[in-house]
């Protein structure tokens, strides 16, 4: 389906498909994960998600809420479980 499409031919930026003579066709962000060292990326993500600096923490939470359309009204109301 995407075999003949190269980066830049399709609108939408990240929807473009990268072609390589060695790897199968894939989106650029997936191709980047193949190229970069996996352990290094894991360490960066681990470090970034455990940093407790308030502006950074609030930025990460805001990004998750925005990208995954989280309903924060549920989080604002604690659930009282029967004892």
Protein backbone atom coordinates (compact mmCIF):
# COMPACT_ATOMS: atom_id res chain seq x y z
CA UNK A 1 0.00 0.00 0.00
CA UNK A 2 2.71 2.51 1.00
CA UNK A 3 5.63 0.77 -0.70
CA UNK A 4 6.19 3.43 -3.35
CA UNK A 5 5.63 6.53 -1.21
CA UNK A 6 8.66 8.41 0.02
CA UNK A 7 8.97 11.19 2.56
CA UNK A 8 7.49 14.43 1.27
CA UNK A 9 5.10 12.95 -1.32
CA UNK A 10 2.21 12.64 1.10
CA UNK A 11 0.65 15.44 3.12
CA UNK A 12 0.52 15.28 6.89
CA UNK A 13 4.18 15.14 7.86
CA UNK A 14 4.28 12.14 10.20
CA UNK A 15 1.89 10.20 7.95
CA UNK A 16 4.57 10.06 5.27
CA UNK A 17 6.27 6.71 4.80
CA UNK A 18 10.04 6.34 4.67
CA UNK A 19 11.43 3.82 2.22
CA UNK A 20 14.77 2.12 2.56
CA UNK A 21 16.48 -0.59 0.52
CA UNK A 22 17.16 -2.52 3.75
CA UNK A 23 14.15 -1.87 6.02
CA UNK A 24 10.45 -2.22 5.19
CA UNK A 25 8.42 0.98 4.58
CA UNK A 26 7.64 2.81 7.83
CA UNK A 27 6.78 6.24 9.20
CA UNK A 28 9.75 8.55 9.94
CA UNK A 29 9.22 8.47 13.70
CA UNK A 30 9.33 4.65 13.66
CA UNK A 31 12.41 4.68 11.42
CA UNK A 32 14.10 6.99 13.94
CA UNK A 33 13.47 4.40 16.68
CA UNK A 34 15.28 1.79 14.58
CA UNK A 35 18.27 4.06 14.03
CA UNK A 36 18.77 5.43 17.56
CA UNK A 37 20.27 3.26 20.32
CA UNK A 38 17.42 1.58 22.24
CA UNK A 39 19.01 1.53 25.69
CA UNK A 40 19.94 5.19 25.41
CA UNK A 41 16.35 6.13 24.49
CA UNK A 42 15.04 4.03 27.38
CA UNK A 43 17.35 5.79 29.83
CA UNK A 44 16.27 9.21 28.58
CA UNK A 45 12.57 8.36 28.87
CA UNK A 46 13.10 6.82 32.32
CA UNK A 47 14.96 9.92 33.51
CA UNK A 48 12.48 12.35 31.94
CA UNK A 49 9.43 10.68 33.47
CA UNK A 50 10.89 10.58 36.97
CA UNK A 51 12.09 14.17 37.13
CA UNK A 52 10.02 15.92 39.82
CA UNK A 53 10.59 19.54 38.75
CA UNK A 54 7.07 21.03 38.73
CA UNK A 55 7.15 22.84 35.33
CA UNK A 56 8.49 19.72 33.58
CA UNK A 57 5.99 17.43 35.35
CA UNK A 58 3.10 19.73 34.46
CA UNK A 59 4.28 19.88 30.83
CA UNK A 60 4.37 16.07 30.56
CA UNK A 61 0.93 15.69 32.16
CA UNK A 62 -0.46 18.37 29.83
CA UNK A 63 0.96 16.59 26.79
CA UNK A 64 -0.59 13.26 27.81
CA UNK A 65 -3.96 14.91 28.51
CA UNK A 66 -3.88 16.70 25.15
CA UNK A 67 -2.65 13.83 22.97
CA UNK A 68 -4.82 11.09 24.46
CA UNK A 69 -7.90 13.23 25.19
CA UNK A 70 -7.99 12.38 28.90
CA UNK A 71 -11.18 13.36 30.74
CA UNK A 72 -9.75 15.22 33.74
CA UNK A 73 -13.17 15.62 35.39
CA UNK A 74 -12.88 12.00 36.51
CA UNK A 75 -9.47 12.67 38.05
CA UNK A 76 -10.75 15.74 39.91
CA UNK A 77 -13.44 13.75 41.76
CA UNK A 78 -12.10 11.07 44.07
CA UNK A 79 -14.04 7.81 44.14
CA UNK A 80 -15.21 6.75 47.57
CA UNK A 81 -15.00 2.97 47.89
CA UNK A 82 -17.17 1.20 50.48
CA UNK A 83 -15.26 -0.30 53.39
